[in-house]
Amino acid sequence: MTWLQPVSLGGEHAVLEPLAQEHESQLTEAAADGELWALWYTSVPRPEQVGQEIRRRLGLRETGSMLPFSVRQRSSGRLVGMTTYMNVDAVNRRVEIGSTWYAASVQRSPLNTECKLMLMRHAFETLECVAVEFRTHFMNRQSRQAIERLGAKLDGVLRSHMVLPNGSLRDTAVYSVIAGEWPAVRANLQWQLVRPRPTVVAA
């Protein structure tokens, strides 16, 4: 695995660290924040399954097909989720950013936008990727909207692409950003991180 090596990526709101088994206790707490596993169209581990999921991702890292990260919130110093480069294609210089989840308490914050910015910047500017993919369940409207806000374009839908644990078939929406689009996508993400946000005042 010479093309894609473990690396730490740091920003104002988050730090992406190579996933490690010793992250289990904090990631277990993060997984319990919001009962994310209850959404049938996602694959977020239950708190008691986090250790097993860490071992699975580290195993895929050893085969060269995944580079997993823990997400640390800069302000609190706590681990609040996981994300990966996956479906690694070193020959064609393509990666997918996926298998991402965050504790409910940090969702709808700048953290996810910054994590995507850091991952795409590393992919395009260091690894010289020709494309970065995002995939999600066709029914996961929240995820699809978030991917589209990043500036990714829909390549298509893979019908009956995967069998889920509940026995249903997943239609997979496939999005991508290609190298020529990266400057505009980068500018958009940077703007999202600094743009003024309305202040919510309690009545």
N, C-alpha and C. Protein backbone atom coordinates (compact mmCIF):
# COMPACT_ATOMS: atom_id res chain seq x y z
N MET A 1 0.86 -1.19 0.00
CA MET A 1 0.00 0.00 0.00
C MET A 1 0.89 1.23 0.00
N THR A 2 1.43 1.60 -1.14
CA THR A 2 2.39 2.69 -1.22
C THR A 2 1.74 4.01 -1.62
N TRP A 3 0.63 3.95 -2.34
CA TRP A 3 0.01 5.19 -2.83
C TRP A 3 -0.75 5.90 -1.72
N LEU A 4 -1.49 5.16 -0.93
CA LEU A 4 -2.37 5.73 0.09
C LEU A 4 -1.88 5.29 1.47
N GLN A 5 -1.21 6.19 2.16
CA GLN A 5 -0.62 5.91 3.46
C GLN A 5 -1.39 6.61 4.57
N PRO A 6 -1.42 6.03 5.79
CA PRO A 6 -2.05 6.72 6.92
C PRO A 6 -1.48 8.12 7.11
N VAL A 7 -2.36 9.08 7.37
CA VAL A 7 -1.96 10.47 7.49
C VAL A 7 -2.94 11.16 8.44
N SER A 8 -2.47 12.19 9.14
CA SER A 8 -3.35 13.04 9.95
C SER A 8 -3.59 14.34 9.19
N LEU A 9 -4.84 14.80 9.23
CA LEU A 9 -5.23 16.03 8.54
C LEU A 9 -5.91 16.94 9.56
N GLY A 10 -5.45 18.18 9.66
CA GLY A 10 -5.98 19.07 10.68
C GLY A 10 -6.61 20.32 10.13
N GLY A 11 -7.69 20.76 10.76
CA GLY A 11 -8.37 21.99 10.40
C GLY A 11 -8.75 22.78 11.62
N GLU A 12 -9.56 23.81 11.44
CA GLU A 12 -9.98 24.67 12.55
C GLU A 12 -10.97 23.96 13.46
N HIS A 13 -11.84 23.14 12.88
CA HIS A 13 -12.92 22.52 13.64
C HIS A 13 -12.67 21.05 13.94
N ALA A 14 -11.85 20.38 13.14
CA ALA A 14 -11.70 18.94 13.27
C ALA A 14 -10.28 18.50 12.94
N VAL A 15 -9.92 17.34 13.47
CA VAL A 15 -8.68 16.66 13.12
C VAL A 15 -9.04 15.24 12.70
N LEU A 16 -8.53 14.83 11.56
CA LEU A 16 -8.71 13.45 11.10
C LEU A 16 -7.45 12.68 11.45
N GLU A 17 -7.62 11.63 12.26
CA GLU A 17 -6.50 10.83 12.73
C GLU A 17 -6.64 9.41 12.21
N PRO A 18 -5.52 8.72 11.93
CA PRO A 18 -5.62 7.31 11.56
C PRO A 18 -6.37 6.53 12.64
N LEU A 19 -7.37 5.78 12.23
CA LEU A 19 -8.16 5.00 13.16
C LEU A 19 -7.26 4.02 13.92
N ALA A 20 -7.52 3.86 15.22
CA ALA A 20 -6.75 2.95 16.06
C ALA A 20 -7.67 2.24 17.04
N GLN A 21 -7.29 1.06 17.46
CA GLN A 21 -8.13 0.28 18.37
C GLN A 21 -8.35 1.00 19.70
N GLU A 22 -7.36 1.80 20.13
CA GLU A 22 -7.50 2.51 21.40
C GLU A 22 -8.53 3.64 21.33
N HIS A 23 -9.07 3.91 20.16
CA HIS A 23 -10.14 4.91 20.02
C HIS A 23 -11.51 4.34 20.40
N GLU A 24 -11.56 3.07 20.72
CA GLU A 24 -12.86 2.40 20.88
C GLU A 24 -13.76 3.05 21.91
N SER A 25 -13.25 3.40 23.09
CA SER A 25 -14.12 3.89 24.15
C SER A 25 -14.78 5.22 23.77
N GLN A 26 -14.01 6.15 23.22
CA GLN A 26 -14.60 7.43 22.83
C GLN A 26 -15.55 7.28 21.64
N LEU A 27 -15.21 6.42 20.69
CA LEU A 27 -16.09 6.22 19.54
C LEU A 27 -17.37 5.50 19.96
N THR A 28 -17.29 4.66 20.99
CA THR A 28 -18.50 4.03 21.52
C THR A 28 -19.44 5.08 22.09
N GLU A 29 -18.88 6.05 22.82
CA GLU A 29 -19.70 7.14 23.35
C GLU A 29 -20.31 7.96 22.21
N ALA A 30 -19.53 8.20 21.17
CA ALA A 30 -20.04 8.98 20.04
C ALA A 30 -21.17 8.25 19.33
N ALA A 31 -21.03 6.93 19.17
CA ALA A 31 -22.07 6.15 18.49
C ALA A 31 -23.37 6.13 19.28
N ALA A 32 -23.27 6.26 20.61
CA ALA A 32 -24.47 6.26 21.45
C ALA A 32 -25.19 7.60 21.44
N ASP A 33 -24.54 8.62 20.89
CA ASP A 33 -25.10 9.97 20.86
C ASP A 33 -26.04 10.11 19.66
N GLY A 34 -27.32 9.83 19.89
CA GLY A 34 -28.31 10.03 18.85
C GLY A 34 -28.93 8.77 18.27
N GLU A 35 -28.51 7.60 18.75
CA GLU A 35 -29.06 6.33 18.26
C GLU A 35 -29.07 6.28 16.74
N LEU A 36 -27.91 6.58 16.15
CA LEU A 36 -27.81 6.67 14.70
C LEU A 36 -28.07 5.34 14.00
N TRP A 37 -27.80 4.25 14.69
CA TRP A 37 -27.98 2.93 14.09
C TRP A 37 -29.44 2.61 13.81
N ALA A 38 -30.36 3.38 14.38
CA ALA A 38 -31.78 3.09 14.21
C ALA A 38 -32.28 3.44 12.82
N LEU A 39 -31.53 4.23 12.06
CA LEU A 39 -31.94 4.57 10.69
C LEU A 39 -31.68 3.36 9.80
N TRP A 40 -32.72 2.78 9.24
CA TRP A 40 -32.60 1.50 8.54
C TRP A 40 -31.73 1.57 7.30
N TYR A 41 -31.61 2.77 6.71
CA TYR A 41 -30.88 2.89 5.45
C TYR A 41 -29.41 3.28 5.65
N THR A 42 -28.93 3.29 6.90
CA THR A 42 -27.53 3.57 7.17
C THR A 42 -26.87 2.33 7.79
N SER A 43 -25.55 2.38 7.94
CA SER A 43 -24.82 1.25 8.52
C SER A 43 -23.93 1.72 9.66
N VAL A 44 -24.49 2.57 10.53
CA VAL A 44 -23.76 3.05 11.70
C VAL A 44 -23.75 1.95 12.75
N PRO A 45 -22.59 1.64 13.35
CA PRO A 45 -22.55 0.56 14.34
C PRO A 45 -23.27 0.93 15.63
N ARG A 46 -23.88 -0.06 16.27
CA ARG A 46 -24.37 0.13 17.63
C ARG A 46 -23.17 0.32 18.55
N PRO A 47 -23.36 0.95 19.71
CA PRO A 47 -22.22 1.15 20.61
C PRO A 47 -21.46 -0.14 20.91
N GLU A 48 -22.16 -1.24 21.12
CA GLU A 48 -21.49 -2.49 21.46
C GLU A 48 -20.79 -3.13 20.26
N GLN A 49 -21.01 -2.58 19.07
CA GLN A 49 -20.39 -3.12 17.86
C GLN A 49 -19.21 -2.27 17.37
N VAL A 50 -18.91 -1.18 18.08
CA VAL A 50 -17.87 -0.26 17.61
C VAL A 50 -16.51 -0.94 17.54
N GLY A 51 -16.16 -1.73 18.56
CA GLY A 51 -14.88 -2.42 18.55
C GLY A 51 -14.73 -3.34 17.35
N GLN A 52 -15.79 -4.07 17.06
CA GLN A 52 -15.79 -4.96 15.89
C GLN A 52 -15.65 -4.17 14.60
N GLU A 53 -16.33 -3.02 14.52
CA GLU A 53 -16.25 -2.20 13.31
C GLU A 53 -14.85 -1.61 13.13
N ILE A 54 -14.21 -1.22 14.23
CA ILE A 54 -12.83 -0.73 14.14
C ILE A 54 -11.93 -1.83 13.59
N ARG A 55 -12.07 -3.04 14.10
CA ARG A 55 -11.24 -4.15 13.62
C ARG A 55 -11.51 -4.44 12.15
N ARG A 56 -12.77 -4.33 11.72
CA ARG A 56 -13.09 -4.57 10.31
C ARG A 56 -12.40 -3.54 9.43
N ARG A 57 -12.47 -2.27 9.82
CA ARG A 57 -11.87 -1.23 9.01
C ARG A 57 -10.35 -1.33 9.00
N LEU A 58 -9.75 -1.68 10.13
CA LEU A 58 -8.30 -1.84 10.17
C LEU A 58 -7.86 -3.03 9.31
N GLY A 59 -8.70 -4.06 9.25
CA GLY A 59 -8.40 -5.19 8.37
C GLY A 59 -8.41 -4.79 6.92
N LEU A 60 -9.37 -3.95 6.53
CA LEU A 60 -9.42 -3.47 5.15
C LEU A 60 -8.25 -2.54 4.85
N ARG A 61 -7.77 -1.83 5.89
CA ARG A 61 -6.58 -1.01 5.68
C ARG A 61 -5.37 -1.88 5.34
N GLU A 62 -5.29 -3.02 5.98
CA GLU A 62 -4.16 -3.92 5.72
C GLU A 62 -4.18 -4.46 4.29
N THR A 63 -5.36 -4.62 3.71
CA THR A 63 -5.46 -5.12 2.34
C THR A 63 -5.27 -4.01 1.31
N GLY A 64 -5.26 -2.76 1.75
CA GLY A 64 -5.08 -1.64 0.84
C GLY A 64 -6.36 -1.13 0.21
N SER A 65 -7.52 -1.61 0.67
CA SER A 65 -8.78 -1.18 0.05
C SER A 65 -9.48 -0.07 0.82
N MET A 66 -8.94 0.32 1.99
CA MET A 66 -9.57 1.37 2.80
C MET A 66 -8.50 2.07 3.62
N LEU A 67 -8.69 3.37 3.84
CA LEU A 67 -7.87 4.13 4.78
C LEU A 67 -8.83 4.81 5.75
N PRO A 68 -9.00 4.25 6.96
CA PRO A 68 -9.99 4.76 7.90
C PRO A 68 -9.43 5.82 8.84
N PHE A 69 -10.30 6.77 9.22
CA PHE A 69 -9.94 7.86 10.12
C PHE A 69 -10.93 7.90 11.28
N SER A 70 -10.44 8.38 12.43
CA SER A 70 -11.30 8.86 13.50
C SER A 70 -11.40 10.37 13.36
N VAL A 71 -12.56 10.92 13.70
CA VAL A 71 -12.79 12.36 13.61
C VAL A 71 -12.77 12.94 15.02
N ARG A 72 -11.83 13.85 15.27
CA ARG A 72 -11.73 14.49 16.57
C ARG A 72 -12.22 15.93 16.47
N GLN A 73 -13.14 16.30 17.34
CA GLN A 73 -13.62 17.68 17.39
C GLN A 73 -12.54 18.54 18.05
N ARG A 74 -12.12 19.58 17.36
CA ARG A 74 -11.01 20.40 17.85
C ARG A 74 -11.37 21.06 19.19
N SER A 75 -12.59 21.61 19.32
CA SER A 75 -12.93 22.40 20.50
C SER A 75 -13.00 21.56 21.77
N SER A 76 -13.51 20.34 21.68
CA SER A 76 -13.68 19.50 22.87
C SER A 76 -12.55 18.49 23.05
N GLY A 77 -11.83 18.21 21.97
CA GLY A 77 -10.79 17.19 22.03
C GLY A 77 -11.32 15.77 21.98
N ARG A 78 -12.63 15.61 21.80
CA ARG A 78 -13.24 14.28 21.82
C ARG A 78 -13.36 13.71 20.41
N LEU A 79 -13.31 12.39 20.33
CA LEU A 79 -13.60 11.70 19.07
C LEU A 79 -15.10 11.66 18.88
N VAL A 80 -15.57 12.08 17.69
CA VAL A 80 -17.01 12.24 17.48
C VAL A 80 -17.51 11.48 16.26
N GLY A 81 -16.66 10.69 15.61
CA GLY A 81 -17.14 9.94 14.46
C GLY A 81 -16.01 9.26 13.72
N MET A 82 -16.38 8.69 12.57
CA MET A 82 -15.44 7.96 11.73
C MET A 82 -15.71 8.31 10.27
N THR A 83 -14.67 8.23 9.44
CA THR A 83 -14.82 8.39 8.00
C THR A 83 -13.69 7.63 7.33
N THR A 84 -13.76 7.44 6.01
CA THR A 84 -12.73 6.66 5.33
C THR A 84 -12.54 7.12 3.89
N TYR A 85 -11.36 6.81 3.37
CA TYR A 85 -11.19 6.60 1.95
C TYR A 85 -11.45 5.12 1.73
N MET A 86 -12.31 4.78 0.78
CA MET A 86 -12.64 3.38 0.55
C MET A 86 -12.71 3.10 -0.96
N ASN A 87 -12.89 1.82 -1.30
CA ASN A 87 -12.88 1.42 -2.72
C ASN A 87 -11.69 2.06 -3.42
N VAL A 88 -10.53 1.91 -2.80
CA VAL A 88 -9.31 2.56 -3.29
C VAL A 88 -8.88 1.91 -4.61
N ASP A 89 -8.69 2.73 -5.62
CA ASP A 89 -8.22 2.27 -6.94
C ASP A 89 -6.95 3.06 -7.27
N ALA A 90 -5.81 2.52 -6.82
CA ALA A 90 -4.54 3.22 -6.99
C ALA A 90 -4.15 3.32 -8.46
N VAL A 91 -4.46 2.30 -9.26
CA VAL A 91 -4.08 2.30 -10.67
C VAL A 91 -4.74 3.46 -11.40
N ASN A 92 -6.03 3.67 -11.14
CA ASN A 92 -6.77 4.73 -11.81
C ASN A 92 -6.89 6.01 -10.97
N ARG A 93 -6.24 6.01 -9.81
CA ARG A 93 -6.20 7.18 -8.93
C ARG A 93 -7.61 7.70 -8.60
N ARG A 94 -8.40 6.79 -8.07
CA ARG A 94 -9.77 7.12 -7.64
C ARG A 94 -9.98 6.60 -6.22
N VAL A 95 -10.71 7.36 -5.42
CA VAL A 95 -11.12 6.91 -4.09
C VAL A 95 -12.57 7.31 -3.87
N GLU A 96 -13.21 6.61 -2.96
CA GLU A 96 -14.53 7.01 -2.48
C GLU A 96 -14.37 7.50 -1.05
N ILE A 97 -15.03 8.60 -0.71
CA ILE A 97 -15.13 9.04 0.67
C ILE A 97 -16.45 8.52 1.20
N GLY A 98 -16.39 7.68 2.24
CA GLY A 98 -17.63 7.09 2.71
C GLY A 98 -17.47 6.39 4.05
N SER A 99 -18.49 5.57 4.39
CA SER A 99 -18.57 4.92 5.70
C SER A 99 -18.38 5.96 6.80
N THR A 100 -19.06 7.10 6.61
CA THR A 100 -18.92 8.24 7.52
C THR A 100 -20.11 8.32 8.46
N TRP A 101 -19.84 8.56 9.73
CA TRP A 101 -20.91 8.87 10.68
C TRP A 101 -20.36 9.81 11.75
N TYR A 102 -21.27 10.61 12.32
CA TYR A 102 -20.92 11.55 13.38
C TYR A 102 -21.93 11.46 14.50
N ALA A 103 -21.48 11.73 15.72
CA ALA A 103 -22.40 11.87 16.84
C ALA A 103 -23.44 12.94 16.52
N ALA A 104 -24.66 12.72 16.99
CA ALA A 104 -25.75 13.66 16.66
C ALA A 104 -25.44 15.07 17.12
N SER A 105 -24.69 15.22 18.20
CA SER A 105 -24.42 16.54 18.76
C SER A 105 -23.53 17.41 17.88
N VAL A 106 -22.82 16.82 16.91
CA VAL A 106 -21.96 17.62 16.04
C VAL A 106 -22.49 17.70 14.62
N GLN A 107 -23.62 17.06 14.36
CA GLN A 107 -24.20 17.15 13.03
C GLN A 107 -24.75 18.56 12.81
N ARG A 108 -24.83 18.96 11.53
CA ARG A 108 -25.27 20.30 11.15
C ARG A 108 -24.35 21.39 11.73
N SER A 109 -23.08 21.03 11.89
CA SER A 109 -22.06 21.99 12.31
C SER A 109 -21.02 22.07 11.20
N PRO A 110 -20.06 23.00 11.30
CA PRO A 110 -19.04 23.09 10.24
C PRO A 110 -18.12 21.88 10.16
N LEU A 111 -18.19 20.99 11.13
CA LEU A 111 -17.24 19.88 11.22
C LEU A 111 -17.26 19.00 9.98
N ASN A 112 -18.43 18.58 9.52
CA ASN A 112 -18.49 17.69 8.37
C ASN A 112 -17.98 18.38 7.11
N THR A 113 -18.36 19.64 6.92
CA THR A 113 -17.88 20.37 5.74
C THR A 113 -16.36 20.44 5.73
N GLU A 114 -15.77 20.72 6.90
CA GLU A 114 -14.32 20.82 6.95
C GLU A 114 -13.66 19.46 6.73
N CYS A 115 -14.24 18.40 7.27
CA CYS A 115 -13.68 17.06 7.05
C CYS A 115 -13.68 16.71 5.55
N LYS A 116 -14.78 17.00 4.87
CA LYS A 116 -14.84 16.72 3.44
C LYS A 116 -13.82 17.57 2.67
N LEU A 117 -13.67 18.83 3.08
CA LEU A 117 -12.69 19.70 2.44
C LEU A 117 -11.28 19.13 2.61
N MET A 118 -10.94 18.69 3.82
CA MET A 118 -9.60 18.15 4.07
C MET A 118 -9.36 16.87 3.28
N LEU A 119 -10.37 15.99 3.25
CA LEU A 119 -10.21 14.72 2.55
C LEU A 119 -10.09 14.93 1.04
N MET A 120 -10.90 15.83 0.48
CA MET A 120 -10.82 16.07 -0.96
C MET A 120 -9.54 16.81 -1.32
N ARG A 121 -9.12 17.76 -0.47
CA ARG A 121 -7.86 18.46 -0.75
C ARG A 121 -6.70 17.47 -0.78
N HIS A 122 -6.65 16.57 0.17
CA HIS A 122 -5.56 15.58 0.20
C HIS A 122 -5.65 14.68 -1.03
N ALA A 123 -6.87 14.29 -1.39
CA ALA A 123 -7.05 13.39 -2.54
C ALA A 123 -6.60 14.05 -3.84
N PHE A 124 -7.04 15.29 -4.07
CA PHE A 124 -6.74 15.93 -5.34
C PHE A 124 -5.34 16.57 -5.37
N GLU A 125 -4.92 17.14 -4.26
CA GLU A 125 -3.69 17.94 -4.29
C GLU A 125 -2.44 17.17 -3.87
N THR A 126 -2.61 16.10 -3.09
CA THR A 126 -1.47 15.29 -2.69
C THR A 126 -1.43 13.96 -3.44
N LEU A 127 -2.58 13.26 -3.47
CA LEU A 127 -2.63 11.97 -4.15
C LEU A 127 -2.85 12.11 -5.65
N GLU A 128 -3.21 13.31 -6.09
CA GLU A 128 -3.45 13.59 -7.51
C GLU A 128 -4.52 12.67 -8.10
N CYS A 129 -5.62 12.54 -7.36
CA CYS A 129 -6.74 11.73 -7.83
C CYS A 129 -7.38 12.37 -9.06
N VAL A 130 -7.93 11.53 -9.92
CA VAL A 130 -8.68 12.04 -11.06
C VAL A 130 -10.15 12.21 -10.71
N ALA A 131 -10.61 11.50 -9.66
CA ALA A 131 -12.00 11.60 -9.24
C ALA A 131 -12.14 11.13 -7.80
N VAL A 132 -13.08 11.72 -7.09
CA VAL A 132 -13.46 11.31 -5.75
C VAL A 132 -14.95 11.01 -5.76
N GLU A 133 -15.31 9.82 -5.30
CA GLU A 133 -16.71 9.39 -5.32
C GLU A 133 -17.36 9.50 -3.95
N PHE A 134 -18.68 9.60 -3.98
CA PHE A 134 -19.52 9.51 -2.79
C PHE A 134 -20.70 8.60 -3.14
N ARG A 135 -21.03 7.68 -2.25
CA ARG A 135 -22.15 6.78 -2.50
C ARG A 135 -23.07 6.75 -1.29
N THR A 136 -24.36 6.62 -1.54
CA THR A 136 -25.30 6.55 -0.43
C THR A 136 -26.58 5.86 -0.90
N HIS A 137 -27.39 5.45 0.07
CA HIS A 137 -28.68 4.85 -0.24
C HIS A 137 -29.55 5.87 -0.97
N PHE A 138 -30.21 5.44 -2.01
CA PHE A 138 -31.10 6.33 -2.77
C PHE A 138 -32.14 6.97 -1.85
N MET A 139 -32.58 6.23 -0.81
CA MET A 139 -33.62 6.73 0.08
C MET A 139 -33.09 7.66 1.16
N ASN A 140 -31.77 7.79 1.28
CA ASN A 140 -31.18 8.63 2.32
C ASN A 140 -31.13 10.08 1.82
N ARG A 141 -32.25 10.75 1.92
CA ARG A 141 -32.37 12.11 1.38
C ARG A 141 -31.40 13.07 2.06
N GLN A 142 -31.23 12.94 3.38
CA GLN A 142 -30.34 13.84 4.11
C GLN A 142 -28.91 13.70 3.59
N SER A 143 -28.45 12.47 3.40
CA SER A 143 -27.10 12.24 2.92
C SER A 143 -26.93 12.76 1.49
N ARG A 144 -27.94 12.51 0.63
CA ARG A 144 -27.85 12.95 -0.76
C ARG A 144 -27.79 14.47 -0.84
N GLN A 145 -28.58 15.15 -0.03
CA GLN A 145 -28.56 16.62 -0.03
C GLN A 145 -27.21 17.13 0.45
N ALA A 146 -26.64 16.47 1.46
CA ALA A 146 -25.34 16.89 1.97
C ALA A 146 -24.26 16.71 0.91
N ILE A 147 -24.31 15.59 0.18
CA ILE A 147 -23.33 15.34 -0.89
C ILE A 147 -23.47 16.38 -1.99
N GLU A 148 -24.71 16.71 -2.35
CA GLU A 148 -24.93 17.70 -3.40
C GLU A 148 -24.47 19.08 -2.97
N ARG A 149 -24.60 19.40 -1.67
CA ARG A 149 -24.11 20.69 -1.18
C ARG A 149 -22.60 20.79 -1.29
N LEU A 150 -21.92 19.65 -1.27
CA LEU A 150 -20.46 19.66 -1.45
C LEU A 150 -20.07 20.08 -2.85
N GLY A 151 -20.98 19.92 -3.79
CA GLY A 151 -20.68 20.22 -5.18
C GLY A 151 -20.51 18.99 -6.04
N ALA A 152 -20.73 17.79 -5.46
CA ALA A 152 -20.62 16.55 -6.25
C ALA A 152 -21.82 16.43 -7.18
N LYS A 153 -21.61 15.77 -8.31
CA LYS A 153 -22.66 15.56 -9.31
C LYS A 153 -23.06 14.09 -9.34
N LEU A 154 -24.34 13.86 -9.60
CA LEU A 154 -24.87 12.50 -9.65
C LEU A 154 -24.42 11.80 -10.93
N ASP A 155 -23.69 10.70 -10.77
CA ASP A 155 -23.29 9.89 -11.92
C ASP A 155 -24.40 8.94 -12.35
N GLY A 156 -25.18 8.46 -11.38
CA GLY A 156 -26.25 7.53 -11.69
C GLY A 156 -26.66 6.75 -10.46
N VAL A 157 -27.61 5.83 -10.63
CA VAL A 157 -28.12 5.01 -9.54
C VAL A 157 -27.92 3.55 -9.90
N LEU A 158 -27.23 2.82 -9.03
CA LEU A 158 -27.04 1.37 -9.20
C LEU A 158 -28.23 0.67 -8.57
N ARG A 159 -29.10 0.10 -9.42
CA ARG A 159 -30.34 -0.51 -8.93
C ARG A 159 -30.05 -1.85 -8.27
N SER A 160 -30.73 -2.12 -7.13
CA SER A 160 -30.56 -3.38 -6.39
C SER A 160 -29.09 -3.72 -6.23
N HIS A 161 -28.34 -2.74 -5.74
CA HIS A 161 -26.88 -2.83 -5.71
C HIS A 161 -26.36 -3.66 -4.54
N MET A 162 -27.05 -3.59 -3.38
CA MET A 162 -26.57 -4.26 -2.18
C MET A 162 -27.73 -4.86 -1.41
N VAL A 163 -27.45 -5.98 -0.73
CA VAL A 163 -28.42 -6.57 0.18
C VAL A 163 -28.11 -6.06 1.58
N LEU A 164 -29.06 -5.38 2.22
CA LEU A 164 -28.85 -4.83 3.54
C LEU A 164 -29.15 -5.87 4.62
N PRO A 165 -28.68 -5.64 5.86
CA PRO A 165 -28.90 -6.61 6.93
C PRO A 165 -30.37 -6.96 7.16
N ASN A 166 -31.29 -6.02 6.85
CA ASN A 166 -32.71 -6.32 7.05
C ASN A 166 -33.33 -7.06 5.87
N GLY A 167 -32.49 -7.41 4.89
CA GLY A 167 -32.96 -8.17 3.74
C GLY A 167 -33.41 -7.34 2.56
N SER A 168 -33.54 -6.02 2.75
CA SER A 168 -33.96 -5.16 1.64
C SER A 168 -32.79 -4.92 0.69
N LEU A 169 -33.13 -4.53 -0.54
CA LEU A 169 -32.11 -4.23 -1.54
C LEU A 169 -31.87 -2.73 -1.60
N ARG A 170 -30.62 -2.35 -1.60
CA ARG A 170 -30.26 -0.92 -1.65
C ARG A 170 -30.01 -0.48 -3.08
N ASP A 171 -30.74 0.56 -3.50
CA ASP A 171 -30.38 1.29 -4.70
C ASP A 171 -29.34 2.33 -4.29
N THR A 172 -28.18 2.31 -4.91
CA THR A 172 -27.06 3.17 -4.51
C THR A 172 -26.92 4.36 -5.45
N ALA A 173 -27.05 5.57 -4.89
CA ALA A 173 -26.81 6.79 -5.67
C ALA A 173 -25.31 7.07 -5.66
N VAL A 174 -24.73 7.20 -6.85
CA VAL A 174 -23.29 7.40 -7.00
C VAL A 174 -23.03 8.84 -7.47
N TYR A 175 -22.24 9.56 -6.69
CA TYR A 175 -21.85 10.94 -7.01
C TYR A 175 -20.34 11.01 -7.17
N SER A 176 -19.86 12.04 -7.83
CA SER A 176 -18.41 12.23 -7.91
C SER A 176 -18.07 13.70 -8.11
N VAL A 177 -16.84 14.02 -7.75
CA VAL A 177 -16.18 15.27 -8.12
C VAL A 177 -14.96 14.87 -8.91
N ILE A 178 -14.76 15.45 -10.10
CA ILE A 178 -13.59 15.13 -10.90
C ILE A 178 -12.56 16.26 -10.75
N ALA A 179 -11.32 15.94 -11.14
CA ALA A 179 -10.21 16.86 -10.86
C ALA A 179 -10.45 18.26 -11.41
N GLY A 180 -11.02 18.37 -12.60
CA GLY A 180 -11.24 19.67 -13.19
C GLY A 180 -12.26 20.52 -12.44
N GLU A 181 -13.12 19.87 -11.65
CA GLU A 181 -14.13 20.59 -10.87
C GLU A 181 -13.62 21.01 -9.50
N TRP A 182 -12.48 20.45 -9.08
CA TRP A 182 -12.02 20.65 -7.72
C TRP A 182 -11.82 22.13 -7.35
N PRO A 183 -11.22 22.99 -8.16
CA PRO A 183 -11.04 24.38 -7.74
C PRO A 183 -12.36 25.05 -7.36
N ALA A 184 -13.41 24.84 -8.14
CA ALA A 184 -14.71 25.45 -7.82
C ALA A 184 -15.32 24.82 -6.58
N VAL A 185 -15.21 23.50 -6.45
CA VAL A 185 -15.75 22.81 -5.27
C VAL A 185 -15.00 23.27 -4.03
N ARG A 186 -13.68 23.40 -4.12
CA ARG A 186 -12.88 23.87 -2.98
C ARG A 186 -13.30 25.27 -2.55
N ALA A 187 -13.49 26.17 -3.52
CA ALA A 187 -13.90 27.53 -3.20
C ALA A 187 -15.27 27.54 -2.52
N ASN A 188 -16.17 26.68 -2.99
CA ASN A 188 -17.50 26.60 -2.39
C ASN A 188 -17.44 26.11 -0.95
N LEU A 189 -16.64 25.09 -0.70
CA LEU A 189 -16.52 24.56 0.66
C LEU A 189 -15.87 25.58 1.59
N GLN A 190 -14.86 26.26 1.10
CA GLN A 190 -14.22 27.29 1.92
C GLN A 190 -15.19 28.40 2.27
N TRP A 191 -16.05 28.76 1.31
CA TRP A 191 -17.06 29.79 1.57
C TRP A 191 -18.08 29.31 2.60
N GLN A 192 -18.50 28.05 2.49
CA GLN A 192 -19.45 27.52 3.46
C GLN A 192 -18.91 27.58 4.88
N LEU A 193 -17.60 27.44 5.03
CA LEU A 193 -17.01 27.45 6.36
C LEU A 193 -16.93 28.84 6.97
N VAL A 194 -16.90 29.89 6.15
CA VAL A 194 -16.73 31.24 6.68
C VAL A 194 -17.96 32.12 6.50
N ARG A 195 -18.95 31.66 5.74
CA ARG A 195 -20.10 32.53 5.46
C ARG A 195 -20.86 32.84 6.74
N PRO A 196 -21.42 34.04 6.83
CA PRO A 196 -22.21 34.39 8.02
C PRO A 196 -23.42 33.49 8.14
N ARG A 197 -23.71 33.08 9.37
CA ARG A 197 -24.88 32.26 9.64
C ARG A 197 -25.83 33.05 10.54
N PRO A 198 -27.15 32.92 10.28
CA PRO A 198 -28.10 33.66 11.11
C PRO A 198 -28.05 33.20 12.55
N THR A 199 -28.16 34.15 13.47
CA THR A 199 -28.17 33.82 14.88
C THR A 199 -29.59 33.48 15.32
N VAL A 200 -29.72 32.34 16.00
CA VAL A 200 -31.02 31.92 16.51
C VAL A 200 -31.22 32.51 17.89
N VAL A 201 -32.26 33.30 18.07
CA VAL A 201 -32.53 33.95 19.35
C VAL A 201 -33.75 33.28 19.97
N ALA A 202 -33.59 32.83 21.21
CA ALA A 202 -34.70 32.17 21.92
C ALA A 202 -35.78 33.18 22.23
N ALA A 203 -37.03 32.73 22.08
CA ALA A 203 -38.17 33.62 22.37
C ALA A 203 -38.35 33.79 23.87
